[in-house]
Amino acid sequence: MAIVRVGFIELWVRDLEKSLEFYEGLLGFRLERKEGKSAYLRGYEELEWSLKLTQAELPAVRSLGFKVDERGMEEAQAWVEQEGLPHRLETDWGRPRMLRVQDPFGYPLVFYAGAEKLPRMLQEYHLYRGPGILRIDHLNLFSPEVERATRYYQERLGFRLTEYTEDEEGRLWASWLHRKGNVHDVAFTNGEGPRLHHFAYWLPDPMAILKAADILAGARRTNQIERGPGRHGISNAMFLYLKDPDGHRIELYTSDYLTVDPDLPPVR
């Protein structure tokens, strides 16, 4: 399937204003639209919204979005019909073509094409806020079936394996898979699921990671810093894990490595 990259995440939150104070006010996401109980945000490099917050009774993950081209939409439609997966066509603000599907492992996927473009903000540096969040980077998912999910996403959805870990008995414990040419668009980690461990946004450099930590500290919100700043062994990236007001985990992430070579051997 011609998946381009991870495209967005939609979160259900209990208090939309409190969530916006965190994502827009502290982290500096650009709020592009607020309609009813939903808000649409993006990073400064993005031409499309990538974070949708919707007020609901309980916090949850509503959608894990993947961008495809026109051929990819046709392939996605054929895939869900062939597999007999529950699905429906939808639209959203700036997203005229969306296919919602529950995959075989229970994850709420959305494939979309033909998104409307927003004004380019990358070089409007005077408008940057927070640490300068640029774009969505990846999703990390808990699964009790890491080996099966990894194989399925490779064989049926066209993802490529970059790194993996095994337990002492040689069973796959976690995997990192990509489409866009860096370490991962999606990762599977052994655990109770289907469940989101975290979603990640790319920052311009390691100093921006430190700036994010300083912003949280200055706002007396260090209780929302879960881990870091630090460097991952897997991916080699710099990171900072934060918790939003509902406990959703967001990773601020930068400086991993290029994986575009088709013969790149996976790292164990």
C-alpha atoms as a PDB file:
ATOM      1  CA  MET A   1       0.000   0.000   0.000  1.00  0.00           C
ATOM      2  CA  ALA A   2       1.292   3.456  -0.925  1.00  0.00           C
ATOM      3  CA  ILE A   3       1.297   5.007   2.554  1.00  0.00           C
ATOM      4  CA  VAL A   4       3.270   8.261   2.537  1.00  0.00           C
ATOM      5  CA  ARG A   5       3.728   8.821   6.286  1.00  0.00           C
ATOM      6  CA  VAL A   6       1.976   9.175   9.605  1.00  0.00           C
ATOM      7  CA  GLY A   7      -0.342  12.138   9.197  1.00  0.00           C
ATOM      8  CA  PHE A   8      -2.305  12.950  12.332  1.00  0.00           C
ATOM      9  CA  ILE A   9      -3.718  11.833  15.646  1.00  0.00           C
ATOM     10  CA  GLU A  10      -7.099  12.652  17.153  1.00  0.00           C
ATOM     11  CA  LEU A  11      -7.389  12.612  20.929  1.00  0.00           C
ATOM     12  CA  TRP A  12     -10.477  12.741  23.070  1.00  0.00           C
ATOM     13  CA  VAL A  13      -9.929  15.092  26.009  1.00  0.00           C
ATOM     14  CA  ARG A  14     -12.107  15.952  28.998  1.00  0.00           C
ATOM     15  CA  ASP A  15     -11.543  19.721  28.942  1.00  0.00           C
ATOM     16  CA  LEU A  16     -10.752  21.249  25.564  1.00  0.00           C
ATOM     17  CA  GLU A  17      -9.669  24.619  26.970  1.00  0.00           C
ATOM     18  CA  LYS A  18      -7.283  23.016  29.429  1.00  0.00           C
ATOM     19  CA  SER A  19      -5.806  20.884  26.640  1.00  0.00           C
ATOM     20  CA  LEU A  20      -5.382  23.927  24.405  1.00  0.00           C
ATOM     21  CA  GLU A  21      -3.601  25.752  27.213  1.00  0.00           C
ATOM     22  CA  PHE A  22      -1.079  22.888  27.209  1.00  0.00           C
ATOM     23  CA  TYR A  23      -0.658  22.256  23.477  1.00  0.00           C
ATOM     24  CA  GLU A  24      -1.073  25.797  22.154  1.00  0.00           C
ATOM     25  CA  GLY A  25      -0.123  27.829  25.204  1.00  0.00           C
ATOM     26  CA  LEU A  26       2.910  25.918  26.505  1.00  0.00           C
ATOM     27  CA  LEU A  27       4.113  23.819  23.565  1.00  0.00           C
ATOM     28  CA  GLY A  28       3.340  26.425  20.918  1.00  0.00           C
ATOM     29  CA  PHE A  29       1.246  24.377  18.482  1.00  0.00           C
ATOM     30  CA  ARG A  30      -0.580  26.535  15.942  1.00  0.00           C
ATOM     31  CA  LEU A  31      -4.325  26.501  16.472  1.00  0.00           C
ATOM     32  CA  GLU A  32      -5.840  26.611  12.987  1.00  0.00           C
ATOM     33  CA  ARG A  33      -9.519  26.036  13.672  1.00  0.00           C
ATOM     34  CA  LYS A  34     -11.890  25.612  16.573  1.00  0.00           C
ATOM     35  CA  GLU A  35     -15.312  24.246  15.751  1.00  0.00           C
ATOM     36  CA  GLY A  36     -17.848  22.923  18.223  1.00  0.00           C
ATOM     37  CA  LYS A  37     -16.071  20.583  20.619  1.00  0.00           C
ATOM     38  CA  SER A  38     -12.992  20.132  18.404  1.00  0.00           C
ATOM     39  CA  ALA A  39      -9.755  22.020  17.735  1.00  0.00           C
ATOM     40  CA  TYR A  40      -7.266  21.477  14.912  1.00  0.00           C
ATOM     41  CA  LEU A  41      -3.546  22.187  15.404  1.00  0.00           C
ATOM     42  CA  ARG A  42      -0.266  21.783  13.536  1.00  0.00           C
ATOM     43  CA  GLY A  43       3.477  22.294  13.772  1.00  0.00           C
ATOM     44  CA  TYR A  44       5.311  25.111  11.988  1.00  0.00           C
ATOM     45  CA  GLU A  45       6.605  22.966   9.130  1.00  0.00           C
ATOM     46  CA  GLU A  46       3.285  21.320   8.367  1.00  0.00           C
ATOM     47  CA  LEU A  47       0.896  22.360   5.611  1.00  0.00           C
ATOM     48  CA  GLU A  48      -1.946  20.291   7.098  1.00  0.00           C
ATOM     49  CA  TRP A  49      -3.335  19.918  10.600  1.00  0.00           C
ATOM     50  CA  SER A  50      -1.876  16.958  12.462  1.00  0.00           C
ATOM     51  CA  LEU A  51      -3.433  17.107  15.935  1.00  0.00           C
ATOM     52  CA  LYS A  52      -7.170  17.108  16.533  1.00  0.00           C
ATOM     53  CA  LEU A  53      -8.498  17.510  20.064  1.00  0.00           C
ATOM     54  CA  THR A  54     -12.134  16.669  20.725  1.00  0.00           C
ATOM     55  CA  GLN A  55     -13.869  17.147  24.058  1.00  0.00           C
ATOM     56  CA  ALA A  56     -15.463  13.963  25.365  1.00  0.00           C
ATOM     57  CA  GLU A  57     -16.524  12.382  28.637  1.00  0.00           C
ATOM     58  CA  LEU A  58     -13.392  10.240  28.876  1.00  0.00           C
ATOM     59  CA  PRO A  59      -9.885  10.606  27.377  1.00  0.00           C
ATOM     60  CA  ALA A  60      -9.147   8.224  24.520  1.00  0.00           C
ATOM     61  CA  VAL A  61      -7.445   7.891  21.162  1.00  0.00           C
ATOM     62  CA  ARG A  62     -10.023   8.420  18.418  1.00  0.00           C
ATOM     63  CA  SER A  63      -7.886   8.194  15.276  1.00  0.00           C
ATOM     64  CA  LEU A  64      -4.393   7.263  14.099  1.00  0.00           C
ATOM     65  CA  GLY A  65      -4.070   8.923  10.700  1.00  0.00           C
ATOM     66  CA  PHE A  66      -1.901   7.956   7.736  1.00  0.00           C
ATOM     67  CA  LYS A  67      -1.455  10.058   4.608  1.00  0.00           C
ATOM     68  CA  VAL A  68      -1.749   8.240   1.278  1.00  0.00           C
ATOM     69  CA  ASP A  69      -1.835   9.237  -2.373  1.00  0.00           C
ATOM     70  CA  GLU A  70      -4.758   8.527  -4.703  1.00  0.00           C
ATOM     71  CA  ARG A  71      -3.454   5.060  -5.513  1.00  0.00           C
ATOM     72  CA  GLY A  72      -3.037   4.446  -1.806  1.00  0.00           C
ATOM     73  CA  MET A  73      -6.712   5.270  -1.182  1.00  0.00           C
ATOM     74  CA  GLU A  74      -7.727   2.716  -3.791  1.00  0.00           C
ATOM     75  CA  GLU A  75      -5.381   0.153  -2.268  1.00  0.00           C
ATOM     76  CA  ALA A  76      -6.681   0.873   1.230  1.00  0.00           C
ATOM     77  CA  GLN A  77     -10.268   0.407   0.062  1.00  0.00           C
ATOM     78  CA  ALA A  78      -9.359  -2.883  -1.606  1.00  0.00           C
ATOM     79  CA  TRP A  79      -7.490  -4.013   1.518  1.00  0.00           C
ATOM     80  CA  VAL A  80     -10.367  -3.414   3.942  1.00  0.00           C
ATOM     81  CA  GLU A  81     -12.827  -5.133   1.630  1.00  0.00           C
ATOM     82  CA  GLN A  82     -10.538  -8.102   1.076  1.00  0.00           C
ATOM     83  CA  GLU A  83      -9.886  -8.479   4.804  1.00  0.00           C
ATOM     84  CA  GLY A  84     -13.512  -7.877   5.756  1.00  0.00           C
ATOM     85  CA  LEU A  85     -12.544  -5.122   8.202  1.00  0.00           C
ATOM     86  CA  PRO A  86     -15.136  -2.721   9.668  1.00  0.00           C
ATOM     87  CA  HIS A  87     -14.789   0.579   7.825  1.00  0.00           C
ATOM     88  CA  ARG A  88     -16.572   3.677   6.557  1.00  0.00           C
ATOM     89  CA  LEU A  89     -15.873   6.770   4.472  1.00  0.00           C
ATOM     90  CA  GLU A  90     -15.748  10.115   6.284  1.00  0.00           C
ATOM     91  CA  THR A  91     -14.827  13.761   5.810  1.00  0.00           C
ATOM     92  CA  ASP A  92     -13.336  16.303   8.211  1.00  0.00           C
ATOM     93  CA  TRP A  93     -12.164  19.897   8.060  1.00  0.00           C
ATOM     94  CA  GLY A  94      -9.703  20.087   5.172  1.00  0.00           C
ATOM     95  CA  ARG A  95      -9.942  16.318   4.649  1.00  0.00           C
ATOM     96  CA  PRO A  96     -12.453  15.514   1.881  1.00  0.00           C
ATOM     97  CA  ARG A  97     -11.450  11.846   1.560  1.00  0.00           C
ATOM     98  CA  MET A  98     -10.973   9.715   4.651  1.00  0.00           C
ATOM     99  CA  LEU A  99     -11.306   5.968   5.151  1.00  0.00           C
ATOM    100  CA  ARG A 100     -11.794   4.912   8.766  1.00  0.00           C
ATOM    101  CA  VAL A 101     -10.991   1.291   9.597  1.00  0.00           C
ATOM    102  CA  GLN A 102     -10.380  -0.850  12.632  1.00  0.00           C
ATOM    103  CA  ASP A 103      -7.332  -2.929  11.742  1.00  0.00           C
ATOM    104  CA  PRO A 104      -7.022  -6.643  12.662  1.00  0.00           C
ATOM    105  CA  PHE A 105      -5.355  -5.687  15.962  1.00  0.00           C
ATOM    106  CA  GLY A 106      -8.002  -3.191  17.047  1.00  0.00           C
ATOM    107  CA  TYR A 107      -6.234   0.097  16.226  1.00  0.00           C
ATOM    108  CA  PRO A 108      -8.485   2.924  14.908  1.00  0.00           C
ATOM    109  CA  LEU A 109      -6.757   3.823  11.642  1.00  0.00           C
ATOM    110  CA  VAL A 110      -7.731   6.562   9.208  1.00  0.00           C
ATOM    111  CA  PHE A 111      -6.279   6.820   5.700  1.00  0.00           C
ATOM    112  CA  TYR A 112      -6.685  10.159   3.936  1.00  0.00           C
ATOM    113  CA  ALA A 113      -5.773  11.803   0.629  1.00  0.00           C
ATOM    114  CA  GLY A 114      -6.227  15.193  -0.992  1.00  0.00           C
ATOM    115  CA  ALA A 115      -5.886  17.280   2.170  1.00  0.00           C
ATOM    116  CA  GLU A 116      -6.343  21.023   1.757  1.00  0.00           C
ATOM    117  CA  LYS A 117      -3.162  23.024   2.319  1.00  0.00           C
ATOM    118  CA  LEU A 118      -2.694  25.680   4.971  1.00  0.00           C
ATOM    119  CA  PRO A 119      -0.398  28.727   4.604  1.00  0.00           C
ATOM    120  CA  ARG A 120       3.316  27.950   4.807  1.00  0.00           C
ATOM    121  CA  MET A 121       4.713  28.974   8.199  1.00  0.00           C
ATOM    122  CA  LEU A 122       8.173  27.402   8.257  1.00  0.00           C
ATOM    123  CA  GLN A 123      10.097  30.657   7.756  1.00  0.00           C
ATOM    124  CA  GLU A 124       7.710  32.901   9.694  1.00  0.00           C
ATOM    125  CA  TYR A 125      10.089  32.722  12.645  1.00  0.00           C
ATOM    126  CA  HIS A 126       8.619  35.784  14.326  1.00  0.00           C
ATOM    127  CA  LEU A 127       5.407  33.796  14.840  1.00  0.00           C
ATOM    128  CA  TYR A 128       7.028  30.753  16.461  1.00  0.00           C
ATOM    129  CA  ARG A 129       5.939  29.960  19.987  1.00  0.00           C
ATOM    130  CA  GLY A 130       7.142  27.432  22.546  1.00  0.00           C
ATOM    131  CA  PRO A 131      10.084  25.218  21.538  1.00  0.00           C
ATOM    132  CA  GLY A 132       9.194  25.437  17.829  1.00  0.00           C
ATOM    133  CA  ILE A 133       7.406  22.148  17.168  1.00  0.00           C
ATOM    134  CA  LEU A 134       7.736  21.327  13.479  1.00  0.00           C
ATOM    135  CA  ARG A 135       5.804  18.179  12.504  1.00  0.00           C
ATOM    136  CA  ILE A 136       4.312  14.911  13.638  1.00  0.00           C
ATOM    137  CA  ASP A 137       6.893  12.121  13.570  1.00  0.00           C
ATOM    138  CA  HIS A 138       5.578   8.795  14.843  1.00  0.00           C
ATOM    139  CA  LEU A 139       3.186   6.695  16.895  1.00  0.00           C
ATOM    140  CA  ASN A 140       4.238   4.085  19.448  1.00  0.00           C
ATOM    141  CA  LEU A 141       1.631   1.388  20.109  1.00  0.00           C
ATOM    142  CA  PHE A 142       1.325  -1.288  22.763  1.00  0.00           C
ATOM    143  CA  SER A 143       0.482  -4.730  21.399  1.00  0.00           C
ATOM    144  CA  PRO A 144       0.321  -8.227  22.918  1.00  0.00           C
ATOM    145  CA  GLU A 145       1.122  -9.533  19.421  1.00  0.00           C
ATOM    146  CA  VAL A 146       4.224  -7.596  18.392  1.00  0.00           C
ATOM    147  CA  GLU A 147       5.568 -10.256  16.035  1.00  0.00           C
ATOM    148  CA  ARG A 148       2.258 -10.745  14.252  1.00  0.00           C
ATOM    149  CA  ALA A 149       1.516  -7.005  14.048  1.00  0.00           C
ATOM    150  CA  THR A 150       5.008  -6.255  12.737  1.00  0.00           C
ATOM    151  CA  ARG A 151       4.782  -8.885  10.043  1.00  0.00           C
ATOM    152  CA  TYR A 152       1.291  -7.765   9.040  1.00  0.00           C
ATOM    153  CA  TYR A 153       2.243  -4.090   8.762  1.00  0.00           C
ATOM    154  CA  GLN A 154       5.227  -5.058   6.620  1.00  0.00           C
ATOM    155  CA  GLU A 155       3.461  -7.493   4.327  1.00  0.00           C
ATOM    156  CA  ARG A 156       0.041  -5.848   3.987  1.00  0.00           C
ATOM    157  CA  LEU A 157       0.680  -2.144   4.574  1.00  0.00           C
ATOM    158  CA  GLY A 158       4.182  -1.768   3.122  1.00  0.00           C
ATOM    159  CA  PHE A 159       6.131  -0.636   6.187  1.00  0.00           C
ATOM    160  CA  ARG A 160       9.869  -1.326   6.435  1.00  0.00           C
ATOM    161  CA  LEU A 161      11.652  -2.513   9.567  1.00  0.00           C
ATOM    162  CA  THR A 162      14.489  -0.322  10.864  1.00  0.00           C
ATOM    163  CA  GLU A 163      15.170  -1.595  14.402  1.00  0.00           C
ATOM    164  CA  TYR A 164      13.907  -4.360  16.665  1.00  0.00           C
ATOM    165  CA  THR A 165      14.503  -5.953  20.050  1.00  0.00           C
ATOM    166  CA  GLU A 166      14.070  -9.560  21.159  1.00  0.00           C
ATOM    167  CA  ASP A 167      13.638 -11.214  24.534  1.00  0.00           C
ATOM    168  CA  GLU A 168      16.024 -13.829  25.923  1.00  0.00           C
ATOM    169  CA  GLU A 169      14.207 -16.559  24.018  1.00  0.00           C
ATOM    170  CA  GLY A 170      14.529 -14.760  20.688  1.00  0.00           C
ATOM    171  CA  ARG A 171      10.915 -13.596  20.487  1.00  0.00           C
ATOM    172  CA  LEU A 172      10.246 -10.177  18.999  1.00  0.00           C
ATOM    173  CA  TRP A 173       9.601  -7.738  21.839  1.00  0.00           C
ATOM    174  CA  ALA A 174       9.439  -4.395  19.997  1.00  0.00           C
ATOM    175  CA  SER A 175       9.775  -3.116  16.432  1.00  0.00           C
ATOM    176  CA  TRP A 176      10.245   0.218  14.671  1.00  0.00           C
ATOM    177  CA  LEU A 177       8.747   0.571  11.177  1.00  0.00           C
ATOM    178  CA  HIS A 178       8.839   3.428   8.701  1.00  0.00           C
ATOM    179  CA  ARG A 179       7.426   4.777   5.460  1.00  0.00           C
ATOM    180  CA  LYS A 180       8.825   8.319   5.274  1.00  0.00           C
ATOM    181  CA  GLY A 181      12.544   7.589   5.506  1.00  0.00           C
ATOM    182  CA  ASN A 182      13.516   8.090   9.125  1.00  0.00           C
ATOM    183  CA  VAL A 183      13.524   5.553  11.953  1.00  0.00           C
ATOM    184  CA  HIS A 184       9.777   5.131  12.338  1.00  0.00           C
ATOM    185  CA  ASP A 185       6.263   6.180  11.575  1.00  0.00           C
ATOM    186  CA  VAL A 186       4.906   3.484  13.863  1.00  0.00           C
ATOM    187  CA  ALA A 187       6.430   1.279  16.552  1.00  0.00           C
ATOM    188  CA  PHE A 188       5.014  -1.743  18.344  1.00  0.00           C
ATOM    189  CA  THR A 189       5.982  -2.419  21.951  1.00  0.00           C
ATOM    190  CA  ASN A 190       5.055  -5.515  23.919  1.00  0.00           C
ATOM    191  CA  GLY A 191       2.231  -4.792  26.332  1.00  0.00           C
ATOM    192  CA  GLU A 192      -1.486  -4.759  26.934  1.00  0.00           C
ATOM    193  CA  GLY A 193      -3.281  -3.419  23.886  1.00  0.00           C
ATOM    194  CA  PRO A 194      -4.446  -2.191  21.492  1.00  0.00           C
ATOM    195  CA  ARG A 195      -3.267   0.950  23.255  1.00  0.00           C
ATOM    196  CA  LEU A 196      -1.230   4.071  22.519  1.00  0.00           C
ATOM    197  CA  HIS A 197       2.046   4.435  24.387  1.00  0.00           C
ATOM    198  CA  HIS A 198       2.861   7.834  22.899  1.00  0.00           C
ATOM    199  CA  PHE A 199       2.762  10.048  19.851  1.00  0.00           C
ATOM    200  CA  ALA A 200       5.781  12.140  18.872  1.00  0.00           C
ATOM    201  CA  TYR A 201       6.525  15.501  17.282  1.00  0.00           C
ATOM    202  CA  TRP A 202       9.787  16.532  15.643  1.00  0.00           C
ATOM    203  CA  LEU A 203      11.709  19.518  16.999  1.00  0.00           C
ATOM    204  CA  PRO A 204      14.441  21.375  15.073  1.00  0.00           C
ATOM    205  CA  ASP A 205      17.414  20.401  17.260  1.00  0.00           C
ATOM    206  CA  PRO A 206      18.442  19.135  20.725  1.00  0.00           C
ATOM    207  CA  MET A 207      18.457  22.674  22.130  1.00  0.00           C
ATOM    208  CA  ALA A 208      14.733  22.871  21.389  1.00  0.00           C
ATOM    209  CA  ILE A 209      14.265  19.798  23.575  1.00  0.00           C
ATOM    210  CA  LEU A 210      15.988  21.643  26.432  1.00  0.00           C
ATOM    211  CA  LYS A 211      13.906  24.744  25.740  1.00  0.00           C
ATOM    212  CA  ALA A 212      10.728  22.673  26.068  1.00  0.00           C
ATOM    213  CA  ALA A 213      11.897  21.416  29.462  1.00  0.00           C
ATOM    214  CA  ASP A 214      12.695  24.994  30.505  1.00  0.00           C
ATOM    215  CA  ILE A 215       9.238  26.152  29.436  1.00  0.00           C
ATOM    216  CA  LEU A 216       7.537  23.478  31.543  1.00  0.00           C
ATOM    217  CA  ALA A 217       9.827  24.288  34.476  1.00  0.00           C
ATOM    218  CA  GLY A 218       9.208  28.022  34.161  1.00  0.00           C
ATOM    219  CA  ALA A 219       5.457  27.411  34.143  1.00  0.00           C
ATOM    220  CA  ARG A 220       5.842  25.325  37.321  1.00  0.00           C
ATOM    221  CA  ARG A 221       4.603  22.292  35.396  1.00  0.00           C
ATOM    222  CA  THR A 222       7.482  19.887  35.968  1.00  0.00           C
ATOM    223  CA  ASN A 223       4.927  17.328  37.146  1.00  0.00           C
ATOM    224  CA  GLN A 224       4.061  16.942  33.461  1.00  0.00           C
ATOM    225  CA  ILE A 225       7.650  16.023  32.528  1.00  0.00           C
ATOM    226  CA  GLU A 226       7.681  12.241  32.663  1.00  0.00           C
ATOM    227  CA  ARG A 227      11.171  11.400  31.393  1.00  0.00           C
ATOM    228  CA  GLY A 228      14.171  13.143  29.877  1.00  0.00           C
ATOM    229  CA  PRO A 229      15.673  15.093  28.312  1.00  0.00           C
ATOM    230  CA  GLY A 230      17.864  12.256  27.088  1.00  0.00           C
ATOM    231  CA  ARG A 231      19.040  10.212  24.120  1.00  0.00           C
ATOM    232  CA  HIS A 232      17.468   6.958  22.989  1.00  0.00           C
ATOM    233  CA  GLY A 233      19.700   3.980  22.291  1.00  0.00           C
ATOM    234  CA  ILE A 234      17.197   2.817  19.696  1.00  0.00           C
ATOM    235  CA  SER A 235      16.850   5.528  17.000  1.00  0.00           C
ATOM    236  CA  ASN A 236      19.747   7.571  18.498  1.00  0.00           C
ATOM    237  CA  ALA A 237      17.250  10.432  18.875  1.00  0.00           C
ATOM    238  CA  MET A 238      17.038  13.071  21.580  1.00  0.00           C
ATOM    239  CA  PHE A 239      13.749  13.029  23.471  1.00  0.00           C
ATOM    240  CA  LEU A 240      11.523  14.458  26.167  1.00  0.00           C
ATOM    241  CA  TYR A 241       8.348  12.701  27.339  1.00  0.00           C
ATOM    242  CA  LEU A 242       5.474  14.845  28.604  1.00  0.00           C
ATOM    243  CA  LYS A 243       1.967  14.109  29.875  1.00  0.00           C
ATOM    244  CA  ASP A 244      -0.922  16.323  28.814  1.00  0.00           C
ATOM    245  CA  PRO A 245      -3.765  17.191  31.235  1.00  0.00           C
ATOM    246  CA  ASP A 246      -5.539  13.901  30.442  1.00  0.00           C
ATOM    247  CA  GLY A 247      -2.446  11.730  30.721  1.00  0.00           C
ATOM    248  CA  HIS A 248      -1.879  11.362  26.979  1.00  0.00           C
ATOM    249  CA  ARG A 249       1.868  10.956  26.480  1.00  0.00           C
ATOM    250  CA  ILE A 250       3.573  13.179  23.895  1.00  0.00           C
ATOM    251  CA  GLU A 251       7.230  12.772  23.004  1.00  0.00           C
ATOM    252  CA  LEU A 252       9.271  15.707  21.731  1.00  0.00           C
ATOM    253  CA  TYR A 253      11.835  14.124  19.438  1.00  0.00           C
ATOM    254  CA  THR A 254      14.745  15.043  17.151  1.00  0.00           C
ATOM    255  CA  SER A 255      17.981  13.908  15.494  1.00  0.00           C
ATOM    256  CA  ASP A 256      17.428  10.300  14.493  1.00  0.00           C
ATOM    257  CA  TYR A 257      18.867   8.979  11.200  1.00  0.00           C
ATOM    258  CA  LEU A 258      18.070   8.463   7.509  1.00  0.00           C
ATOM    259  CA  THR A 259      16.541   5.126   6.459  1.00  0.00           C
ATOM    260  CA  VAL A 260      15.666   5.618   2.783  1.00  0.00           C
ATOM    261  CA  ASP A 261      18.026   2.950   1.379  1.00  0.00           C
ATOM    262  CA  PRO A 262      15.894  -0.029   0.282  1.00  0.00           C
ATOM    263  CA  ASP A 263      18.642  -2.453   1.342  1.00  0.00           C
ATOM    264  CA  LEU A 264      19.173  -0.911   4.797  1.00  0.00           C
ATOM    265  CA  PRO A 265      19.623  -3.820   7.244  1.00  0.00           C
ATOM    266  CA  PRO A 266      17.443  -3.649  10.387  1.00  0.00           C
ATOM    267  CA  VAL A 267      19.344  -3.011  13.613  1.00  0.00           C
ATOM    268  CA  ARG A 268      18.916  -5.531  16.412  1.00  0.00           C
END
